[in-house]
Amino acid sequence: GRKDGTIDIFNSGIEKRDNVYGNFRRCHRLHHHSGSPVRALCYTPDGSLLISGCDNGHLYIHDTSSFLQNETIRMVAVILNAHRSYILAITVLPDSRRFMTSSADGTAKVWDVSIPN
């Protein structure tokens, strides 16, 4: 995540071109975070969802299942005011259907998310 509220997603770079960092090439940039810095990111174990948390306390869930086909990554859910302060960490629980967030507001929360196909 970046301070400007964007998220850069990289893939292994094979050829030299713009947006190449070491052996990685930026292939997506997400702009869904209203300019609020993104401090916390977490993929589900199967890589199909990317969960992000911002300084404004909002959570965003992105469908990354089409990532390898270089298709657009779409936002599938947003939880406004999930916390009253910065979201500092996100982790997916072993069942892959729930995740936990912690915040600078001193709280930790468990979320259950069902995303239809």
PDB file of N, CA and C in Angstrom:
ATOM      1  N   GLY A   1       0.812  -1.186   0.000  1.00  0.00           N
ATOM      2  CA  GLY A   1       0.000   0.000   0.000  1.00  0.00           C
ATOM      3  C   GLY A   1       0.856   1.249   0.000  1.00  0.00           C
ATOM      4  N   ARG A   2       0.290   2.322  -0.438  1.00  0.00           N
ATOM      5  CA  ARG A   2       1.036   3.578  -0.564  1.00  0.00           C
ATOM      6  C   ARG A   2       0.366   4.696   0.226  1.00  0.00           C
ATOM      7  N   LYS A   3       1.136   5.731   0.496  1.00  0.00           N
ATOM      8  CA  LYS A   3       0.606   6.891   1.226  1.00  0.00           C
ATOM      9  C   LYS A   3      -0.485   7.622   0.458  1.00  0.00           C
ATOM     10  N   ASP A   4      -0.450   7.544  -0.869  1.00  0.00           N
ATOM     11  CA  ASP A   4      -1.452   8.254  -1.672  1.00  0.00           C
ATOM     12  C   ASP A   4      -2.765   7.482  -1.813  1.00  0.00           C
ATOM     13  N   GLY A   5      -2.881   6.340  -1.136  1.00  0.00           N
ATOM     14  CA  GLY A   5      -4.113   5.568  -1.169  1.00  0.00           C
ATOM     15  C   GLY A   5      -4.203   4.549  -2.286  1.00  0.00           C
ATOM     16  N   THR A   6      -3.124   4.360  -3.024  1.00  0.00           N
ATOM     17  CA  THR A   6      -3.119   3.355  -4.079  1.00  0.00           C
ATOM     18  C   THR A   6      -2.413   2.097  -3.599  1.00  0.00           C
ATOM     19  N   ILE A   7      -2.672   1.014  -4.313  1.00  0.00           N
ATOM     20  CA  ILE A   7      -1.978  -0.256  -4.067  1.00  0.00           C
ATOM     21  C   ILE A   7      -1.364  -0.688  -5.384  1.00  0.00           C
ATOM     22  N   ASP A   8      -0.074  -0.975  -5.376  1.00  0.00           N
ATOM     23  CA  ASP A   8       0.598  -1.514  -6.555  1.00  0.00           C
ATOM     24  C   ASP A   8       0.720  -3.022  -6.388  1.00  0.00           C
ATOM     25  N   ILE A   9       0.343  -3.755  -7.432  1.00  0.00           N
ATOM     26  CA  ILE A   9       0.470  -5.211  -7.427  1.00  0.00           C
ATOM     27  C   ILE A   9       1.499  -5.582  -8.476  1.00  0.00           C
ATOM     28  N   PHE A  10       2.441  -6.418  -8.073  1.00  0.00           N
ATOM     29  CA  PHE A  10       3.562  -6.786  -8.922  1.00  0.00           C
ATOM     30  C   PHE A  10       3.484  -8.253  -9.310  1.00  0.00           C
ATOM     31  N   ASN A  11       4.077  -8.565 -10.444  1.00  0.00           N
ATOM     32  CA  ASN A  11       4.224  -9.929 -10.906  1.00  0.00           C
ATOM     33  C   ASN A  11       5.675 -10.091 -11.328  1.00  0.00           C
ATOM     34  N   SER A  12       6.151 -11.317 -11.418  1.00  0.00           N
ATOM     35  CA  SER A  12       7.534 -11.544 -11.850  1.00  0.00           C
ATOM     36  C   SER A  12       7.751 -10.908 -13.209  1.00  0.00           C
ATOM     37  N   GLY A  13       8.819 -10.112 -13.322  1.00  0.00           N
ATOM     38  CA  GLY A  13       9.129  -9.444 -14.586  1.00  0.00           C
ATOM     39  C   GLY A  13      10.106 -10.265 -15.398  1.00  0.00           C
ATOM     40  N   ILE A  14       9.786 -10.477 -16.663  1.00  0.00           N
ATOM     41  CA  ILE A  14      10.668 -11.247 -17.521  1.00  0.00           C
ATOM     42  C   ILE A  14      11.467 -10.317 -18.423  1.00  0.00           C
ATOM     43  N   GLU A  15      10.866  -9.238 -18.825  1.00  0.00           N
ATOM     44  CA  GLU A  15      11.539  -8.329 -19.735  1.00  0.00           C
ATOM     45  C   GLU A  15      11.706  -6.963 -19.081  1.00  0.00           C
ATOM     46  N   LYS A  16      12.685  -6.207 -19.549  1.00  0.00           N
ATOM     47  CA  LYS A  16      12.913  -4.866 -19.028  1.00  0.00           C
ATOM     48  C   LYS A  16      11.936  -3.895 -19.674  1.00  0.00           C
ATOM     49  N   ARG A  17      11.241  -3.121 -18.853  1.00  0.00           N
ATOM     50  CA  ARG A  17      10.310  -2.098 -19.332  1.00  0.00           C
ATOM     51  C   ARG A  17       9.983  -1.175 -18.175  1.00  0.00           C
ATOM     52  N   ASP A  18       9.102  -0.208 -18.412  1.00  0.00           N
ATOM     53  CA  ASP A  18       8.678   0.697 -17.352  1.00  0.00           C
ATOM     54  C   ASP A  18       8.044  -0.097 -16.227  1.00  0.00           C
ATOM     55  N   ASN A  19       8.090   0.445 -15.030  1.00  0.00           N
ATOM     56  CA  ASN A  19       7.469  -0.140 -13.848  1.00  0.00           C
ATOM     57  C   ASN A  19       8.105  -1.457 -13.416  1.00  0.00           C
ATOM     58  N   VAL A  20       9.367  -1.689 -13.763  1.00  0.00           N
ATOM     59  CA  VAL A  20      10.059  -2.900 -13.339  1.00  0.00           C
ATOM     60  C   VAL A  20      10.925  -2.561 -12.143  1.00  0.00           C
ATOM     61  N   TYR A  21      10.800  -3.344 -11.085  1.00  0.00           N
ATOM     62  CA  TYR A  21      11.564  -3.148  -9.862  1.00  0.00           C
ATOM     63  C   TYR A  21      12.264  -4.458  -9.550  1.00  0.00           C
ATOM     64  N   GLY A  22      13.565  -4.530  -9.804  1.00  0.00           N
ATOM     65  CA  GLY A  22      14.275  -5.791  -9.621  1.00  0.00           C
ATOM     66  C   GLY A  22      13.710  -6.812 -10.607  1.00  0.00           C
ATOM     67  N   ASN A  23      13.278  -7.952 -10.103  1.00  0.00           N
ATOM     68  CA  ASN A  23      12.689  -8.982 -10.956  1.00  0.00           C
ATOM     69  C   ASN A  23      11.173  -8.911 -10.987  1.00  0.00           C
ATOM     70  N   PHE A  24      10.603  -7.811 -10.512  1.00  0.00           N
ATOM     71  CA  PHE A  24       9.151  -7.698 -10.439  1.00  0.00           C
ATOM     72  C   PHE A  24       8.656  -6.545 -11.309  1.00  0.00           C
ATOM     73  N   ARG A  25       7.468  -6.750 -11.905  1.00  0.00           N
ATOM     74  CA  ARG A  25       6.873  -5.746 -12.775  1.00  0.00           C
ATOM     75  C   ARG A  25       5.493  -5.384 -12.233  1.00  0.00           C
ATOM     76  N   ARG A  26       5.232  -4.074 -12.098  1.00  0.00           N
ATOM     77  CA  ARG A  26       3.905  -3.652 -11.660  1.00  0.00           C
ATOM     78  C   ARG A  26       2.910  -3.937 -12.772  1.00  0.00           C
ATOM     79  N   CYS A  27       1.862  -4.670 -12.434  1.00  0.00           N
ATOM     80  CA  CYS A  27       0.862  -4.996 -13.453  1.00  0.00           C
ATOM     81  C   CYS A  27      -0.516  -4.446 -13.116  1.00  0.00           C
ATOM     82  N   HIS A  28      -0.722  -3.999 -11.892  1.00  0.00           N
ATOM     83  CA  HIS A  28      -2.000  -3.388 -11.509  1.00  0.00           C
ATOM     84  C   HIS A  28      -1.741  -2.274 -10.501  1.00  0.00           C
ATOM     85  N   ARG A  29      -2.570  -1.249 -10.573  1.00  0.00           N
ATOM     86  CA  ARG A  29      -2.593  -0.203  -9.552  1.00  0.00           C
ATOM     87  C   ARG A  29      -4.053   0.026  -9.183  1.00  0.00           C
ATOM     88  N   LEU A  30      -4.368  -0.174  -7.904  1.00  0.00           N
ATOM     89  CA  LEU A  30      -5.731  -0.004  -7.413  1.00  0.00           C
ATOM     90  C   LEU A  30      -5.880   1.384  -6.819  1.00  0.00           C
ATOM     91  N   HIS A  31      -6.998   2.054  -7.114  1.00  0.00           N
ATOM     92  CA  HIS A  31      -7.231   3.438  -6.693  1.00  0.00           C
ATOM     93  C   HIS A  31      -8.480   3.596  -5.840  1.00  0.00           C
ATOM     94  N   HIS A  32      -8.906   2.588  -5.127  1.00  0.00           N
ATOM     95  CA  HIS A  32     -10.202   2.605  -4.453  1.00  0.00           C
ATOM     96  C   HIS A  32     -10.194   3.215  -3.051  1.00  0.00           C
ATOM     97  N   HIS A  33      -9.119   3.783  -2.596  1.00  0.00           N
ATOM     98  CA  HIS A  33      -8.989   4.104  -1.177  1.00  0.00           C
ATOM     99  C   HIS A  33      -9.167   5.571  -0.823  1.00  0.00           C
ATOM    100  N   SER A  34      -9.777   6.340  -1.665  1.00  0.00           N
ATOM    101  CA  SER A  34     -10.137   7.742  -1.389  1.00  0.00           C
ATOM    102  C   SER A  34      -8.964   8.592  -0.925  1.00  0.00           C
ATOM    103  N   GLY A  35      -7.765   8.267  -1.387  1.00  0.00           N
ATOM    104  CA  GLY A  35      -6.595   9.054  -1.028  1.00  0.00           C
ATOM    105  C   GLY A  35      -6.075   8.825   0.375  1.00  0.00           C
ATOM    106  N   SER A  36      -6.683   7.923   1.121  1.00  0.00           N
ATOM    107  CA  SER A  36      -6.239   7.631   2.481  1.00  0.00           C
ATOM    108  C   SER A  36      -5.114   6.596   2.439  1.00  0.00           C
ATOM    109  N   PRO A  37      -4.002   6.831   3.160  1.00  0.00           N
ATOM    110  CA  PRO A  37      -2.887   5.880   3.133  1.00  0.00           C
ATOM    111  C   PRO A  37      -3.325   4.452   3.467  1.00  0.00           C
ATOM    112  N   VAL A  38      -2.749   3.501   2.744  1.00  0.00           N
ATOM    113  CA  VAL A  38      -3.029   2.079   2.948  1.00  0.00           C
ATOM    114  C   VAL A  38      -1.881   1.496   3.770  1.00  0.00           C
ATOM    115  N   ARG A  39      -2.176   1.078   5.007  1.00  0.00           N
ATOM    116  CA  ARG A  39      -1.151   0.541   5.901  1.00  0.00           C
ATOM    117  C   ARG A  39      -1.170  -0.974   6.002  1.00  0.00           C
ATOM    118  N   ALA A  40      -2.313  -1.610   5.718  1.00  0.00           N
ATOM    119  CA  ALA A  40      -2.440  -3.047   5.953  1.00  0.00           C
ATOM    120  C   ALA A  40      -2.994  -3.742   4.715  1.00  0.00           C
ATOM    121  N   LEU A  41      -2.379  -4.869   4.363  1.00  0.00           N
ATOM    122  CA  LEU A  41      -2.793  -5.668   3.218  1.00  0.00           C
ATOM    123  C   LEU A  41      -2.673  -7.142   3.576  1.00  0.00           C
ATOM    124  N   CYS A  42      -3.572  -7.954   3.021  1.00  0.00           N
ATOM    125  CA  CYS A  42      -3.481  -9.391   3.244  1.00  0.00           C
ATOM    126  C   CYS A  42      -4.223 -10.120   2.136  1.00  0.00           C
ATOM    127  N   TYR A  43      -3.582 -11.128   1.558  1.00  0.00           N
ATOM    128  CA  TYR A  43      -4.240 -12.017   0.605  1.00  0.00           C
ATOM    129  C   TYR A  43      -4.841 -13.204   1.343  1.00  0.00           C
ATOM    130  N   THR A  44      -5.947 -13.752   0.811  1.00  0.00           N
ATOM    131  CA  THR A  44      -6.435 -15.030   1.305  1.00  0.00           C
ATOM    132  C   THR A  44      -5.448 -16.101   0.838  1.00  0.00           C
ATOM    133  N   PRO A  45      -5.399 -17.250   1.515  1.00  0.00           N
ATOM    134  CA  PRO A  45      -4.413 -18.278   1.150  1.00  0.00           C
ATOM    135  C   PRO A  45      -4.466 -18.710  -0.315  1.00  0.00           C
ATOM    136  N   ASP A  46      -5.640 -18.731  -0.921  1.00  0.00           N
ATOM    137  CA  ASP A  46      -5.727 -19.133  -2.329  1.00  0.00           C
ATOM    138  C   ASP A  46      -5.449 -17.978  -3.291  1.00  0.00           C
ATOM    139  N   GLY A  47      -5.212 -16.779  -2.769  1.00  0.00           N
ATOM    140  CA  GLY A  47      -4.886 -15.617  -3.591  1.00  0.00           C
ATOM    141  C   GLY A  47      -6.067 -15.000  -4.310  1.00  0.00           C
ATOM    142  N   SER A  48      -7.280 -15.434  -4.004  1.00  0.00           N
ATOM    143  CA  SER A  48      -8.440 -14.929  -4.738  1.00  0.00           C
ATOM    144  C   SER A  48      -8.955 -13.587  -4.226  1.00  0.00           C
ATOM    145  N   LEU A  49      -8.611 -13.232  -2.993  1.00  0.00           N
ATOM    146  CA  LEU A  49      -9.051 -11.951  -2.427  1.00  0.00           C
ATOM    147  C   LEU A  49      -7.859 -11.213  -1.828  1.00  0.00           C
ATOM    148  N   LEU A  50      -7.873  -9.897  -1.991  1.00  0.00           N
ATOM    149  CA  LEU A  50      -6.917  -9.009  -1.342  1.00  0.00           C
ATOM    150  C   LEU A  50      -7.722  -8.091  -0.434  1.00  0.00           C
ATOM    151  N   ILE A  51      -7.395  -8.089   0.843  1.00  0.00           N
ATOM    152  CA  ILE A  51      -8.080  -7.241   1.821  1.00  0.00           C
ATOM    153  C   ILE A  51      -7.128  -6.117   2.184  1.00  0.00           C
ATOM    154  N   SER A  52      -7.626  -4.883   2.162  1.00  0.00           N
ATOM    155  CA  SER A  52      -6.776  -3.741   2.480  1.00  0.00           C
ATOM    156  C   SER A  52      -7.452  -2.852   3.518  1.00  0.00           C
ATOM    157  N   GLY A  53      -6.640  -2.225   4.345  1.00  0.00           N
ATOM    158  CA  GLY A  53      -7.135  -1.324   5.373  1.00  0.00           C
ATOM    159  C   GLY A  53      -6.417   0.000   5.315  1.00  0.00           C
ATOM    160  N   CYS A  54      -7.161   1.081   5.580  1.00  0.00           N
ATOM    161  CA  CYS A  54      -6.645   2.437   5.400  1.00  0.00           C
ATOM    162  C   CYS A  54      -6.605   3.225   6.708  1.00  0.00           C
ATOM    163  N   ASP A  55      -5.973   4.379   6.623  1.00  0.00           N
ATOM    164  CA  ASP A  55      -5.908   5.292   7.764  1.00  0.00           C
ATOM    165  C   ASP A  55      -7.275   5.848   8.155  1.00  0.00           C
ATOM    166  N   ASN A  56      -8.236   5.845   7.240  1.00  0.00           N
ATOM    167  CA  ASN A  56      -9.567   6.359   7.559  1.00  0.00           C
ATOM    168  C   ASN A  56     -10.448   5.311   8.246  1.00  0.00           C
ATOM    169  N   GLY A  57      -9.889   4.125   8.513  1.00  0.00           N
ATOM    170  CA  GLY A  57     -10.627   3.074   9.201  1.00  0.00           C
ATOM    171  C   GLY A  57     -11.482   2.203   8.309  1.00  0.00           C
ATOM    172  N   HIS A  58     -11.422   2.404   6.992  1.00  0.00           N
ATOM    173  CA  HIS A  58     -12.213   1.618   6.053  1.00  0.00           C
ATOM    174  C   HIS A  58     -11.453   0.358   5.636  1.00  0.00           C
ATOM    175  N   LEU A  59     -12.212  -0.708   5.352  1.00  0.00           N
ATOM    176  CA  LEU A  59     -11.670  -1.955   4.802  1.00  0.00           C
ATOM    177  C   LEU A  59     -12.196  -2.134   3.390  1.00  0.00           C
ATOM    178  N   TYR A  60     -11.356  -2.656   2.517  1.00  0.00           N
ATOM    179  CA  TYR A  60     -11.751  -2.924   1.135  1.00  0.00           C
ATOM    180  C   TYR A  60     -11.377  -4.358   0.798  1.00  0.00           C
ATOM    181  N   ILE A  61     -12.249  -5.029   0.047  1.00  0.00           N
ATOM    182  CA  ILE A  61     -11.982  -6.393  -0.381  1.00  0.00           C
ATOM    183  C   ILE A  61     -12.009  -6.414  -1.906  1.00  0.00           C
ATOM    184  N   HIS A  62     -10.921  -6.899  -2.488  1.00  0.00           N
ATOM    185  CA  HIS A  62     -10.747  -6.923  -3.935  1.00  0.00           C
ATOM    186  C   HIS A  62     -10.718  -8.363  -4.422  1.00  0.00           C
ATOM    187  N   ASP A  63     -11.379  -8.633  -5.532  1.00  0.00           N
ATOM    188  CA  ASP A  63     -11.348  -9.943  -6.167  1.00  0.00           C
ATOM    189  C   ASP A  63     -10.110 -10.001  -7.050  1.00  0.00           C
ATOM    190  N   THR A  64      -9.134 -10.803  -6.666  1.00  0.00           N
ATOM    191  CA  THR A  64      -7.889 -10.913  -7.431  1.00  0.00           C
ATOM    192  C   THR A  64      -7.806 -12.236  -8.183  1.00  0.00           C
ATOM    193  N   SER A  65      -8.925 -12.947  -8.299  1.00  0.00           N
ATOM    194  CA  SER A  65      -8.901 -14.252  -8.958  1.00  0.00           C
ATOM    195  C   SER A  65      -8.531 -14.148 -10.436  1.00  0.00           C
ATOM    196  N   SER A  66      -8.774 -13.006 -11.064  1.00  0.00           N
ATOM    197  CA  SER A  66      -8.444 -12.829 -12.483  1.00  0.00           C
ATOM    198  C   SER A  66      -7.069 -12.182 -12.672  1.00  0.00           C
ATOM    199  N   PHE A  67      -6.313 -12.069 -11.605  1.00  0.00           N
ATOM    200  CA  PHE A  67      -5.014 -11.387 -11.621  1.00  0.00           C
ATOM    201  C   PHE A  67      -4.076 -11.949 -12.695  1.00  0.00           C
ATOM    202  N   LEU A  68      -3.967 -13.259 -12.777  1.00  0.00           N
ATOM    203  CA  LEU A  68      -3.013 -13.858 -13.712  1.00  0.00           C
ATOM    204  C   LEU A  68      -3.429 -13.673 -15.167  1.00  0.00           C
ATOM    205  N   GLN A  69      -4.701 -13.445 -15.429  1.00  0.00           N
ATOM    206  CA  GLN A  69      -5.153 -13.188 -16.791  1.00  0.00           C
ATOM    207  C   GLN A  69      -4.992 -11.716 -17.167  1.00  0.00           C
ATOM    208  N   ASN A  70      -4.412 -10.934 -16.246  1.00  0.00           N
ATOM    209  CA  ASN A  70      -4.161  -9.502 -16.456  1.00  0.00           C
ATOM    210  C   ASN A  70      -5.461  -8.731 -16.681  1.00  0.00           C
ATOM    211  N   GLU A  71      -6.537  -9.215 -16.088  1.00  0.00           N
ATOM    212  CA  GLU A  71      -7.813  -8.521 -16.168  1.00  0.00           C
ATOM    213  C   GLU A  71      -7.896  -7.495 -15.042  1.00  0.00           C
ATOM    214  N   THR A  72      -8.904  -6.667 -15.104  1.00  0.00           N
ATOM    215  CA  THR A  72      -9.110  -5.658 -14.077  1.00  0.00           C
ATOM    216  C   THR A  72      -9.453  -6.318 -12.750  1.00  0.00           C
ATOM    217  N   ILE A  73      -8.839  -5.840 -11.698  1.00  0.00           N
ATOM    218  CA  ILE A  73      -9.152  -6.310 -10.350  1.00  0.00           C
ATOM    219  C   ILE A  73     -10.309  -5.465  -9.849  1.00  0.00           C
ATOM    220  N   ARG A  74     -11.379  -6.107  -9.412  1.00  0.00           N
ATOM    221  CA  ARG A  74     -12.554  -5.341  -8.997  1.00  0.00           C
ATOM    222  C   ARG A  74     -12.724  -5.376  -7.484  1.00  0.00           C
ATOM    223  N   MET A  75     -13.245  -4.285  -6.959  1.00  0.00           N
ATOM    224  CA  MET A  75     -13.568  -4.220  -5.542  1.00  0.00           C
ATOM    225  C   MET A  75     -14.925  -4.891  -5.370  1.00  0.00           C
ATOM    226  N   VAL A  76     -15.004  -5.842  -4.438  1.00  0.00           N
ATOM    227  CA  VAL A  76     -16.254  -6.573  -4.246  1.00  0.00           C
ATOM    228  C   VAL A  76     -16.973  -6.209  -2.954  1.00  0.00           C
ATOM    229  N   ALA A  77     -16.267  -5.552  -2.036  1.00  0.00           N
ATOM    230  CA  ALA A  77     -16.914  -5.140  -0.786  1.00  0.00           C
ATOM    231  C   ALA A  77     -16.116  -4.015  -0.155  1.00  0.00           C
ATOM    232  N   VAL A  78     -16.830  -3.180   0.596  1.00  0.00           N
ATOM    233  CA  VAL A  78     -16.187  -2.138   1.388  1.00  0.00           C
ATOM    234  C   VAL A  78     -16.893  -2.094   2.740  1.00  0.00           C
ATOM    235  N   ILE A  79     -16.114  -1.967   3.783  1.00  0.00           N
ATOM    236  CA  ILE A  79     -16.666  -1.829   5.129  1.00  0.00           C
ATOM    237  C   ILE A  79     -16.245  -0.446   5.616  1.00  0.00           C
ATOM    238  N   LEU A  80     -17.168   0.496   5.549  1.00  0.00           N
ATOM    239  CA  LEU A  80     -16.872   1.863   5.968  1.00  0.00           C
ATOM    240  C   LEU A  80     -16.810   1.931   7.485  1.00  0.00           C
ATOM    241  N   ASN A  81     -15.906   2.720   7.993  1.00  0.00           N
ATOM    242  CA  ASN A  81     -15.741   2.926   9.432  1.00  0.00           C
ATOM    243  C   ASN A  81     -15.628   1.609  10.202  1.00  0.00           C
ATOM    244  N   ALA A  82     -14.841   0.687   9.656  1.00  0.00           N
ATOM    245  CA  ALA A  82     -14.597  -0.582  10.329  1.00  0.00           C
ATOM    246  C   ALA A  82     -13.905  -0.341  11.672  1.00  0.00           C
ATOM    247  N   HIS A  83     -13.064   0.684  11.707  1.00  0.00           N
ATOM    248  CA  HIS A  83     -12.379   1.114  12.939  1.00  0.00           C
ATOM    249  C   HIS A  83     -12.434   2.632  13.008  1.00  0.00           C
ATOM    250  N   ARG A  84     -12.191   3.166  14.190  1.00  0.00           N
ATOM    251  CA  ARG A  84     -12.204   4.623  14.385  1.00  0.00           C
ATOM    252  C   ARG A  84     -10.861   5.276  14.083  1.00  0.00           C
ATOM    253  N   SER A  85      -9.835   4.458  13.804  1.00  0.00           N
ATOM    254  CA  SER A  85      -8.514   4.998  13.529  1.00  0.00           C
ATOM    255  C   SER A  85      -7.818   4.108  12.499  1.00  0.00           C
ATOM    256  N   TYR A  86      -6.519   4.328  12.309  1.00  0.00           N
ATOM    257  CA  TYR A  86      -5.742   3.583  11.328  1.00  0.00           C
ATOM    258  C   TYR A  86      -5.920   2.079  11.501  1.00  0.00           C
ATOM    259  N   ILE A  87      -6.069   1.368  10.399  1.00  0.00           N
ATOM    260  CA  ILE A  87      -6.023  -0.095  10.434  1.00  0.00           C
ATOM    261  C   ILE A  87      -4.567  -0.480  10.264  1.00  0.00           C
ATOM    262  N   LEU A  88      -4.028  -1.156  11.260  1.00  0.00           N
ATOM    263  CA  LEU A  88      -2.599  -1.447  11.309  1.00  0.00           C
ATOM    264  C   LEU A  88      -2.244  -2.830  10.787  1.00  0.00           C
ATOM    265  N   ALA A  89      -3.145  -3.808  10.927  1.00  0.00           N
ATOM    266  CA  ALA A  89      -2.827  -5.172  10.517  1.00  0.00           C
ATOM    267  C   ALA A  89      -4.096  -5.918  10.119  1.00  0.00           C
ATOM    268  N   ILE A  90      -3.920  -6.834   9.180  1.00  0.00           N
ATOM    269  CA  ILE A  90      -4.998  -7.714   8.735  1.00  0.00           C
ATOM    270  C   ILE A  90      -4.401  -9.112   8.598  1.00  0.00           C
ATOM    271  N   THR A  91      -5.122 -10.105   9.079  1.00  0.00           N
ATOM    272  CA  THR A  91      -4.705 -11.484   8.873  1.00  0.00           C
ATOM    273  C   THR A  91      -5.931 -12.344   8.591  1.00  0.00           C
ATOM    274  N   VAL A  92      -5.777 -13.272   7.684  1.00  0.00           N
ATOM    275  CA  VAL A  92      -6.854 -14.201   7.368  1.00  0.00           C
ATOM    276  C   VAL A  92      -6.750 -15.376   8.328  1.00  0.00           C
ATOM    277  N   LEU A  93      -7.884 -15.776   8.895  1.00  0.00           N
ATOM    278  CA  LEU A  93      -7.915 -16.905   9.816  1.00  0.00           C
ATOM    279  C   LEU A  93      -7.865 -18.216   9.040  1.00  0.00           C
ATOM    280  N   PRO A  94      -7.474 -19.313   9.702  1.00  0.00           N
ATOM    281  CA  PRO A  94      -7.268 -20.582   8.991  1.00  0.00           C
ATOM    282  C   PRO A  94      -8.457 -21.087   8.175  1.00  0.00           C
ATOM    283  N   ASP A  95      -9.679 -20.718   8.523  1.00  0.00           N
ATOM    284  CA  ASP A  95     -10.838 -21.192   7.750  1.00  0.00           C
ATOM    285  C   ASP A  95     -11.010 -20.437   6.430  1.00  0.00           C
ATOM    286  N   SER A  96     -10.217 -19.391   6.205  1.00  0.00           N
ATOM    287  CA  SER A  96     -10.225 -18.565   4.985  1.00  0.00           C
ATOM    288  C   SER A  96     -11.542 -17.841   4.738  1.00  0.00           C
ATOM    289  N   ARG A  97     -12.496 -17.923   5.641  1.00  0.00           N
ATOM    290  CA  ARG A  97     -13.772 -17.222   5.487  1.00  0.00           C
ATOM    291  C   ARG A  97     -13.872 -16.043   6.455  1.00  0.00           C
ATOM    292  N   ARG A  98     -12.932 -15.963   7.359  1.00  0.00           N
ATOM    293  CA  ARG A  98     -12.910 -14.863   8.323  1.00  0.00           C
ATOM    294  C   ARG A  98     -11.530 -14.244   8.327  1.00  0.00           C
ATOM    295  N   PHE A  99     -11.493 -12.963   8.682  1.00  0.00           N
ATOM    296  CA  PHE A  99     -10.210 -12.300   8.858  1.00  0.00           C
ATOM    297  C   PHE A  99     -10.285 -11.397  10.075  1.00  0.00           C
ATOM    298  N   MET A 100      -9.124 -11.034  10.576  1.00  0.00           N
ATOM    299  CA  MET A 100      -9.024 -10.230  11.791  1.00  0.00           C
ATOM    300  C   MET A 100      -8.274  -8.943  11.469  1.00  0.00           C
ATOM    301  N   THR A 101      -8.733  -7.847  12.061  1.00  0.00           N
ATOM    302  CA  THR A 101      -8.059  -6.565  11.890  1.00  0.00           C
ATOM    303  C   THR A 101      -7.696  -6.002  13.258  1.00  0.00           C
ATOM    304  N   SER A 102      -6.635  -5.222  13.276  1.00  0.00           N
ATOM    305  CA  SER A 102      -6.300  -4.471  14.488  1.00  0.00           C
ATOM    306  C   SER A 102      -6.074  -3.026  14.083  1.00  0.00           C
ATOM    307  N   SER A 103      -6.307  -2.128  15.057  1.00  0.00           N
ATOM    308  CA  SER A 103      -6.310  -0.711  14.736  1.00  0.00           C
ATOM    309  C   SER A 103      -5.604   0.100  15.811  1.00  0.00           C
ATOM    310  N   ALA A 104      -5.208   1.313  15.414  1.00  0.00           N
ATOM    311  CA  ALA A 104      -4.631   2.261  16.365  1.00  0.00           C
ATOM    312  C   ALA A 104      -5.670   2.732  17.380  1.00  0.00           C
ATOM    313  N   ASP A 105      -6.946   2.412  17.177  1.00  0.00           N
ATOM    314  CA  ASP A 105      -7.964   2.771  18.166  1.00  0.00           C
ATOM    315  C   ASP A 105      -7.985   1.796  19.345  1.00  0.00           C
ATOM    316  N   GLY A 106      -7.079   0.802  19.318  1.00  0.00           N
ATOM    317  CA  GLY A 106      -6.957  -0.142  20.429  1.00  0.00           C
ATOM    318  C   GLY A 106      -7.880  -1.342  20.335  1.00  0.00           C
ATOM    319  N   THR A 107      -8.550  -1.521  19.189  1.00  0.00           N
ATOM    320  CA  THR A 107      -9.461  -2.645  19.049  1.00  0.00           C
ATOM    321  C   THR A 107      -8.926  -3.665  18.051  1.00  0.00           C
ATOM    322  N   ALA A 108      -9.381  -4.895  18.202  1.00  0.00           N
ATOM    323  CA  ALA A 108      -9.168  -5.968  17.234  1.00  0.00           C
ATOM    324  C   ALA A 108     -10.543  -6.545  16.936  1.00  0.00           C
ATOM    325  N   LYS A 109     -10.808  -6.821  15.670  1.00  0.00           N
ATOM    326  CA  LYS A 109     -12.132  -7.318  15.273  1.00  0.00           C
ATOM    327  C   LYS A 109     -11.977  -8.506  14.332  1.00  0.00           C
ATOM    328  N   VAL A 110     -12.954  -9.409  14.414  1.00  0.00           N
ATOM    329  CA  VAL A 110     -13.023 -10.546  13.509  1.00  0.00           C
ATOM    330  C   VAL A 110     -14.191 -10.310  12.556  1.00  0.00           C
ATOM    331  N   TRP A 111     -13.944 -10.527  11.266  1.00  0.00           N
ATOM    332  CA  TRP A 111     -14.930 -10.275  10.221  1.00  0.00           C
ATOM    333  C   TRP A 111     -15.217 -11.567   9.482  1.00  0.00           C
ATOM    334  N   ASP A 112     -16.469 -11.765   9.120  1.00  0.00           N
ATOM    335  CA  ASP A 112     -16.890 -12.911   8.324  1.00  0.00           C
ATOM    336  C   ASP A 112     -17.359 -12.373   6.990  1.00  0.00           C
ATOM    337  N   VAL A 113     -16.706 -12.823   5.937  1.00  0.00           N
ATOM    338  CA  VAL A 113     -17.036 -12.292   4.613  1.00  0.00           C
ATOM    339  C   VAL A 113     -17.360 -13.441   3.681  1.00  0.00           C
ATOM    340  N   SER A 114     -18.552 -13.379   3.098  1.00  0.00           N
ATOM    341  CA  SER A 114     -18.961 -14.335   2.073  1.00  0.00           C
ATOM    342  C   SER A 114     -19.088 -13.564   0.777  1.00  0.00           C
ATOM    343  N   ILE A 115     -18.278 -13.926  -0.179  1.00  0.00           N
ATOM    344  CA  ILE A 115     -18.284 -13.251  -1.471  1.00  0.00           C
ATOM    345  C   ILE A 115     -18.894 -14.202  -2.498  1.00  0.00           C
ATOM    346  N   PRO A 116     -20.030 -13.835  -3.116  1.00  0.00           N
ATOM    347  CA  PRO A 116     -20.612 -14.710  -4.132  1.00  0.00           C
ATOM    348  C   PRO A 116     -19.734 -14.770  -5.367  1.00  0.00           C
ATOM    349  N   ASN A 117     -19.744 -15.904  -6.052  1.00  0.00           N
ATOM    350  CA  ASN A 117     -18.936 -16.060  -7.280  1.00  0.00           C
ATOM    351  C   ASN A 117     -19.524 -15.239  -8.405  1.00  0.00           C
TER     352      ASN A 117
END
